[in-house]
Amino acid sequence: MEPLDLRPVETALVVVDLQKGVAAMETAPRAAQEVVRNASRLADALRGRGGLVVLVRVAFGSDGKDTLKPVLDSGAPGWTGSRPPDWAEFVPDLAGHPQDHIVTKKQWGAFYGTDLDLQLRRRGISTLLMCGIATCFGVESTARDAYERGYQQVFIEDAMSSRSAEEHQHTVTRIFPRMGRVRSTEQVLTALNAR
């Protein structure tokens, strides 16, 4: 595994769905609090070196008419019930930085129907550091779109989690290595501190 060479001003940390409603769910292989802690450390380091932090959240209208409504097999997990009023608010550890770019999406991936690609290109971003919850849903869907748009990607394994350890492990070992490099928070921080 070769060391990372990151140019912070050409790099964006894309933080997927670290919002109150998602961070309150049970996750594996690590708790959401650990994911938030690592994402926050990465965001602080990148902001301090002139990079971009992109906070992505999923949110829907109060009537729910803007949600996707696929027909699912009986017993398949899907969202049921209402969401609390603060469900889409970012976790406090990441909120409150006016220089961050905010993306609100209506599906798993953060590119479709948003200005994410436009804003990354206007800022000269070529490398995306990917983290968030859930590894195999929001992070993977966003990563697939980023791959098709030609971005370099680094997947920060210990700054993401999923509904199960098996789902997380499959994406990290089978999918992400085909689109970029998989690294730890410490490896990425080391690369950022080298600049």
C-alpha atoms as a PDB file:
ATOM      1  CA  MET A   1       0.000   0.000   0.000  1.00  0.00           C
ATOM      2  CA  GLU A   2       1.580   3.224  -1.136  1.00  0.00           C
ATOM      3  CA  PRO A   3       1.348   6.354   1.037  1.00  0.00           C
ATOM      4  CA  LEU A   4      -1.206   8.991   0.164  1.00  0.00           C
ATOM      5  CA  ASP A   5      -0.149  12.193  -1.534  1.00  0.00           C
ATOM      6  CA  LEU A   6      -2.984  14.666  -1.066  1.00  0.00           C
ATOM      7  CA  ARG A   7      -3.186  18.284  -2.187  1.00  0.00           C
ATOM      8  CA  PRO A   8      -5.605  19.740   0.367  1.00  0.00           C
ATOM      9  CA  VAL A   9      -6.782  22.631  -1.847  1.00  0.00           C
ATOM     10  CA  GLU A  10      -7.795  20.088  -4.511  1.00  0.00           C
ATOM     11  CA  THR A  11      -9.433  17.767  -1.983  1.00  0.00           C
ATOM     12  CA  ALA A  12     -12.937  17.577  -0.542  1.00  0.00           C
ATOM     13  CA  LEU A  13     -14.129  15.520   2.401  1.00  0.00           C
ATOM     14  CA  VAL A  14     -17.598  14.273   1.484  1.00  0.00           C
ATOM     15  CA  VAL A  15     -19.468  13.474   4.703  1.00  0.00           C
ATOM     16  CA  VAL A  16     -22.569  11.442   3.876  1.00  0.00           C
ATOM     17  CA  ASP A  17     -25.656  11.551   6.093  1.00  0.00           C
ATOM     18  CA  LEU A  18     -24.044  12.290   9.451  1.00  0.00           C
ATOM     19  CA  GLN A  19     -27.266  13.877  10.583  1.00  0.00           C
ATOM     20  CA  LYS A  20     -29.164  13.385  13.817  1.00  0.00           C
ATOM     21  CA  GLY A  21     -31.716  10.903  12.467  1.00  0.00           C
ATOM     22  CA  VAL A  22     -29.164   8.662  10.770  1.00  0.00           C
ATOM     23  CA  ALA A  23     -26.570   8.882  13.555  1.00  0.00           C
ATOM     24  CA  ALA A  24     -29.229   7.702  16.024  1.00  0.00           C
ATOM     25  CA  MET A  25     -29.559   4.334  14.274  1.00  0.00           C
ATOM     26  CA  GLU A  26     -27.682   1.206  15.291  1.00  0.00           C
ATOM     27  CA  THR A  27     -24.670   0.700  13.036  1.00  0.00           C
ATOM     28  CA  ALA A  28     -21.879  -1.832  12.594  1.00  0.00           C
ATOM     29  CA  PRO A  29     -19.001  -2.585  12.603  1.00  0.00           C
ATOM     30  CA  ARG A  30     -18.626   0.624  14.614  1.00  0.00           C
ATOM     31  CA  ALA A  31     -20.999   2.903  16.452  1.00  0.00           C
ATOM     32  CA  ALA A  32     -22.126   6.121  14.812  1.00  0.00           C
ATOM     33  CA  GLN A  33     -20.353   8.133  17.529  1.00  0.00           C
ATOM     34  CA  GLU A  34     -16.979   6.735  16.402  1.00  0.00           C
ATOM     35  CA  VAL A  35     -17.776   7.544  12.775  1.00  0.00           C
ATOM     36  CA  VAL A  36     -18.741  11.108  13.761  1.00  0.00           C
ATOM     37  CA  ARG A  37     -15.570  11.514  15.842  1.00  0.00           C
ATOM     38  CA  ASN A  38     -13.312  10.417  12.958  1.00  0.00           C
ATOM     39  CA  ALA A  39     -15.213  12.487  10.384  1.00  0.00           C
ATOM     40  CA  SER A  40     -14.952  15.542  12.629  1.00  0.00           C
ATOM     41  CA  ARG A  41     -11.175  15.108  13.014  1.00  0.00           C
ATOM     42  CA  LEU A  42     -10.814  14.815   9.233  1.00  0.00           C
ATOM     43  CA  ALA A  43     -13.035  17.846   8.608  1.00  0.00           C
ATOM     44  CA  ASP A  44     -11.057  20.009  11.043  1.00  0.00           C
ATOM     45  CA  ALA A  45      -7.740  18.951   9.479  1.00  0.00           C
ATOM     46  CA  LEU A  46      -8.894  19.593   5.911  1.00  0.00           C
ATOM     47  CA  ARG A  47     -10.502  22.953   6.728  1.00  0.00           C
ATOM     48  CA  GLY A  48      -7.232  24.017   8.356  1.00  0.00           C
ATOM     49  CA  ARG A  49      -5.338  23.301   5.149  1.00  0.00           C
ATOM     50  CA  GLY A  50      -7.654  25.031   2.691  1.00  0.00           C
ATOM     51  CA  GLY A  51      -9.646  21.989   1.577  1.00  0.00           C
ATOM     52  CA  LEU A  52     -13.396  21.730   1.189  1.00  0.00           C
ATOM     53  CA  VAL A  53     -15.802  19.936   3.504  1.00  0.00           C
ATOM     54  CA  VAL A  54     -19.085  18.842   1.933  1.00  0.00           C
ATOM     55  CA  LEU A  55     -21.849  17.916   4.351  1.00  0.00           C
ATOM     56  CA  VAL A  56     -24.500  15.768   2.710  1.00  0.00           C
ATOM     57  CA  ARG A  57     -27.885  15.088   4.238  1.00  0.00           C
ATOM     58  CA  VAL A  58     -31.020  13.347   3.102  1.00  0.00           C
ATOM     59  CA  ALA A  59     -34.256  15.225   3.731  1.00  0.00           C
ATOM     60  CA  PHE A  60     -37.785  15.117   2.440  1.00  0.00           C
ATOM     61  CA  GLY A  61     -40.830  17.369   2.374  1.00  0.00           C
ATOM     62  CA  SER A  62     -43.308  17.068   5.229  1.00  0.00           C
ATOM     63  CA  ASP A  63     -45.840  15.378   2.954  1.00  0.00           C
ATOM     64  CA  GLY A  64     -43.311  12.731   1.848  1.00  0.00           C
ATOM     65  CA  LYS A  65     -44.232  13.122  -1.812  1.00  0.00           C
ATOM     66  CA  ASP A  66     -40.586  13.671  -2.810  1.00  0.00           C
ATOM     67  CA  THR A  67     -39.425  10.277  -1.488  1.00  0.00           C
ATOM     68  CA  LEU A  68     -38.637   7.290  -3.656  1.00  0.00           C
ATOM     69  CA  LYS A  69     -41.311   4.610  -3.444  1.00  0.00           C
ATOM     70  CA  PRO A  70     -39.970   1.355  -4.858  1.00  0.00           C
ATOM     71  CA  VAL A  71     -42.000  -1.816  -4.541  1.00  0.00           C
ATOM     72  CA  LEU A  72     -40.058  -3.994  -2.083  1.00  0.00           C
ATOM     73  CA  ASP A  73     -40.272  -7.683  -1.321  1.00  0.00           C
ATOM     74  CA  SER A  74     -42.296  -8.439   1.756  1.00  0.00           C
ATOM     75  CA  GLY A  75     -40.092  -8.188   4.823  1.00  0.00           C
ATOM     76  CA  ALA A  76     -37.397  -6.112   3.087  1.00  0.00           C
ATOM     77  CA  PRO A  77     -36.151  -3.294   5.332  1.00  0.00           C
ATOM     78  CA  GLY A  78     -37.458   0.088   4.326  1.00  0.00           C
ATOM     79  CA  TRP A  79     -38.331   3.342   6.067  1.00  0.00           C
ATOM     80  CA  THR A  80     -41.623   3.378   7.926  1.00  0.00           C
ATOM     81  CA  GLY A  81     -43.075   5.957  10.256  1.00  0.00           C
ATOM     82  CA  SER A  82     -42.579   9.668  10.659  1.00  0.00           C
ATOM     83  CA  ARG A  83     -39.281  11.448  11.238  1.00  0.00           C
ATOM     84  CA  PRO A  84     -38.649  13.747  14.196  1.00  0.00           C
ATOM     85  CA  PRO A  85     -38.338  17.482  13.370  1.00  0.00           C
ATOM     86  CA  ASP A  86     -34.525  17.486  13.840  1.00  0.00           C
ATOM     87  CA  TRP A  87     -33.964  14.280  11.841  1.00  0.00           C
ATOM     88  CA  ALA A  88     -32.111  16.039   8.975  1.00  0.00           C
ATOM     89  CA  GLU A  89     -30.008  18.382  11.144  1.00  0.00           C
ATOM     90  CA  PHE A  90     -26.272  17.687  11.055  1.00  0.00           C
ATOM     91  CA  VAL A  91     -24.712  16.242  14.190  1.00  0.00           C
ATOM     92  CA  PRO A  92     -23.300  19.041  16.385  1.00  0.00           C
ATOM     93  CA  ASP A  93     -19.664  17.917  15.913  1.00  0.00           C
ATOM     94  CA  LEU A  94     -19.883  18.782  12.206  1.00  0.00           C
ATOM     95  CA  ALA A  95     -22.399  21.634  12.051  1.00  0.00           C
ATOM     96  CA  GLY A  96     -21.774  25.351  12.186  1.00  0.00           C
ATOM     97  CA  HIS A  97     -18.924  25.924   9.727  1.00  0.00           C
ATOM     98  CA  PRO A  98     -20.087  28.510   7.174  1.00  0.00           C
ATOM     99  CA  GLN A  99     -17.344  27.619   4.670  1.00  0.00           C
ATOM    100  CA  ASP A 100     -18.663  24.032   4.316  1.00  0.00           C
ATOM    101  CA  HIS A 101     -20.794  23.233   1.296  1.00  0.00           C
ATOM    102  CA  ILE A 102     -24.200  21.733   2.160  1.00  0.00           C
ATOM    103  CA  VAL A 103     -25.909  19.227  -0.124  1.00  0.00           C
ATOM    104  CA  THR A 104     -29.479  18.072   0.449  1.00  0.00           C
ATOM    105  CA  LYS A 105     -30.397  14.942  -1.477  1.00  0.00           C
ATOM    106  CA  LYS A 106     -33.599  12.958  -1.935  1.00  0.00           C
ATOM    107  CA  GLN A 107     -32.061   9.536  -2.589  1.00  0.00           C
ATOM    108  CA  TRP A 108     -28.990   7.508  -1.607  1.00  0.00           C
ATOM    109  CA  GLY A 109     -26.449   9.249  -3.866  1.00  0.00           C
ATOM    110  CA  ALA A 110     -25.364  12.873  -3.413  1.00  0.00           C
ATOM    111  CA  PHE A 111     -24.809  13.756  -7.090  1.00  0.00           C
ATOM    112  CA  TYR A 112     -28.192  13.151  -8.727  1.00  0.00           C
ATOM    113  CA  GLY A 113     -30.425  16.219  -8.600  1.00  0.00           C
ATOM    114  CA  THR A 114     -27.935  18.374  -6.635  1.00  0.00           C
ATOM    115  CA  ASP A 115     -25.212  20.924  -7.403  1.00  0.00           C
ATOM    116  CA  LEU A 116     -22.422  18.756  -5.940  1.00  0.00           C
ATOM    117  CA  ASP A 117     -20.511  18.111  -9.178  1.00  0.00           C
ATOM    118  CA  LEU A 118     -20.794  21.753 -10.245  1.00  0.00           C
ATOM    119  CA  GLN A 119     -19.490  23.070  -6.920  1.00  0.00           C
ATOM    120  CA  LEU A 120     -16.590  20.584  -6.787  1.00  0.00           C
ATOM    121  CA  ARG A 121     -15.473  21.498 -10.310  1.00  0.00           C
ATOM    122  CA  ARG A 122     -15.766  25.259  -9.689  1.00  0.00           C
ATOM    123  CA  ARG A 123     -13.426  24.837  -6.724  1.00  0.00           C
ATOM    124  CA  GLY A 124     -10.898  22.737  -8.657  1.00  0.00           C
ATOM    125  CA  ILE A 125     -11.516  19.614  -6.571  1.00  0.00           C
ATOM    126  CA  SER A 126     -10.098  16.407  -8.043  1.00  0.00           C
ATOM    127  CA  THR A 127      -9.925  14.107  -4.994  1.00  0.00           C
ATOM    128  CA  LEU A 128     -12.761  13.074  -2.710  1.00  0.00           C
ATOM    129  CA  LEU A 129     -12.284  11.686   0.777  1.00  0.00           C
ATOM    130  CA  MET A 130     -15.420   9.633   1.433  1.00  0.00           C
ATOM    131  CA  CYS A 131     -17.015   8.890   4.802  1.00  0.00           C
ATOM    132  CA  GLY A 132     -20.407   8.590   6.461  1.00  0.00           C
ATOM    133  CA  ILE A 133     -23.350   6.305   7.108  1.00  0.00           C
ATOM    134  CA  ALA A 134     -24.301   3.955   5.582  1.00  0.00           C
ATOM    135  CA  THR A 135     -21.279   2.507   3.845  1.00  0.00           C
ATOM    136  CA  CYS A 136     -23.284   0.421   1.377  1.00  0.00           C
ATOM    137  CA  PHE A 137     -26.049   2.942   0.714  1.00  0.00           C
ATOM    138  CA  GLY A 138     -25.283   6.668   0.747  1.00  0.00           C
ATOM    139  CA  VAL A 139     -21.491   6.412   0.654  1.00  0.00           C
ATOM    140  CA  GLU A 140     -21.354   3.706  -2.027  1.00  0.00           C
ATOM    141  CA  SER A 141     -24.010   5.341  -4.222  1.00  0.00           C
ATOM    142  CA  THR A 142     -22.200   8.680  -4.067  1.00  0.00           C
ATOM    143  CA  ALA A 143     -18.873   6.958  -4.761  1.00  0.00           C
ATOM    144  CA  ARG A 144     -20.211   5.178  -7.840  1.00  0.00           C
ATOM    145  CA  ASP A 145     -21.379   8.497  -9.281  1.00  0.00           C
ATOM    146  CA  ALA A 146     -18.054  10.154  -8.390  1.00  0.00           C
ATOM    147  CA  TYR A 147     -16.184   7.321 -10.130  1.00  0.00           C
ATOM    148  CA  GLU A 148     -18.213   7.849 -13.306  1.00  0.00           C
ATOM    149  CA  ARG A 149     -17.372  11.563 -13.182  1.00  0.00           C
ATOM    150  CA  GLY A 150     -13.628  10.898 -12.976  1.00  0.00           C
ATOM    151  CA  TYR A 151     -12.868  11.902  -9.379  1.00  0.00           C
ATOM    152  CA  GLN A 152     -10.015  10.281  -7.473  1.00  0.00           C
ATOM    153  CA  GLN A 153     -11.386   8.750  -4.286  1.00  0.00           C
ATOM    154  CA  VAL A 154     -10.100   7.721  -0.883  1.00  0.00           C
ATOM    155  CA  PHE A 155     -12.481   5.702   1.273  1.00  0.00           C
ATOM    156  CA  ILE A 156     -11.906   6.210   4.985  1.00  0.00           C
ATOM    157  CA  GLU A 157     -12.885   2.816   6.358  1.00  0.00           C
ATOM    158  CA  ASP A 158     -13.054   3.740  10.040  1.00  0.00           C
ATOM    159  CA  ALA A 159     -15.065   6.900   9.327  1.00  0.00           C
ATOM    160  CA  MET A 160     -18.022   4.951   7.964  1.00  0.00           C
ATOM    161  CA  SER A 161     -20.378   2.230   9.118  1.00  0.00           C
ATOM    162  CA  SER A 162     -23.496   0.431   7.956  1.00  0.00           C
ATOM    163  CA  ARG A 163     -26.510  -1.478   9.222  1.00  0.00           C
ATOM    164  CA  SER A 164     -24.415  -4.622   9.578  1.00  0.00           C
ATOM    165  CA  ALA A 165     -20.725  -5.483   9.676  1.00  0.00           C
ATOM    166  CA  GLU A 166     -21.254  -7.831   6.716  1.00  0.00           C
ATOM    167  CA  GLU A 167     -22.693  -5.085   4.503  1.00  0.00           C
ATOM    168  CA  HIS A 168     -19.882  -2.726   5.455  1.00  0.00           C
ATOM    169  CA  GLN A 169     -17.174  -5.331   4.873  1.00  0.00           C
ATOM    170  CA  HIS A 170     -18.526  -6.322   1.460  1.00  0.00           C
ATOM    171  CA  THR A 171     -18.493  -2.739   0.192  1.00  0.00           C
ATOM    172  CA  VAL A 172     -15.073  -1.930   1.681  1.00  0.00           C
ATOM    173  CA  THR A 173     -13.356  -5.070   0.358  1.00  0.00           C
ATOM    174  CA  ARG A 174     -15.232  -5.754  -2.901  1.00  0.00           C
ATOM    175  CA  ILE A 175     -16.538  -2.448  -4.264  1.00  0.00           C
ATOM    176  CA  PHE A 176     -14.374   0.438  -3.037  1.00  0.00           C
ATOM    177  CA  PRO A 177     -11.009  -1.016  -4.168  1.00  0.00           C
ATOM    178  CA  ARG A 178     -12.356  -0.935  -7.753  1.00  0.00           C
ATOM    179  CA  MET A 179     -13.005   2.817  -7.524  1.00  0.00           C
ATOM    180  CA  GLY A 180     -10.191   4.157  -5.374  1.00  0.00           C
ATOM    181  CA  ARG A 181      -8.065   3.572  -2.305  1.00  0.00           C
ATOM    182  CA  VAL A 182      -9.203   2.403   1.131  1.00  0.00           C
ATOM    183  CA  ARG A 183      -7.402   4.008   4.075  1.00  0.00           C
ATOM    184  CA  SER A 184      -7.844   4.779   7.782  1.00  0.00           C
ATOM    185  CA  THR A 185      -8.445   8.121   9.463  1.00  0.00           C
ATOM    186  CA  GLU A 186      -4.862   8.142  10.759  1.00  0.00           C
ATOM    187  CA  GLN A 187      -3.420   7.480   7.287  1.00  0.00           C
ATOM    188  CA  VAL A 188      -5.417  10.359   5.803  1.00  0.00           C
ATOM    189  CA  LEU A 189      -4.497  12.708   8.663  1.00  0.00           C
ATOM    190  CA  THR A 190      -0.829  11.815   8.168  1.00  0.00           C
ATOM    191  CA  ALA A 191      -1.113  12.676   4.468  1.00  0.00           C
ATOM    192  CA  LEU A 192      -2.838  15.998   5.217  1.00  0.00           C
ATOM    193  CA  ASN A 193      -0.273  16.900   7.889  1.00  0.00           C
ATOM    194  CA  ALA A 194       2.550  16.243   5.423  1.00  0.00           C
ATOM    195  CA  ARG A 195       1.426  19.326   3.433  1.00  0.00           C
END
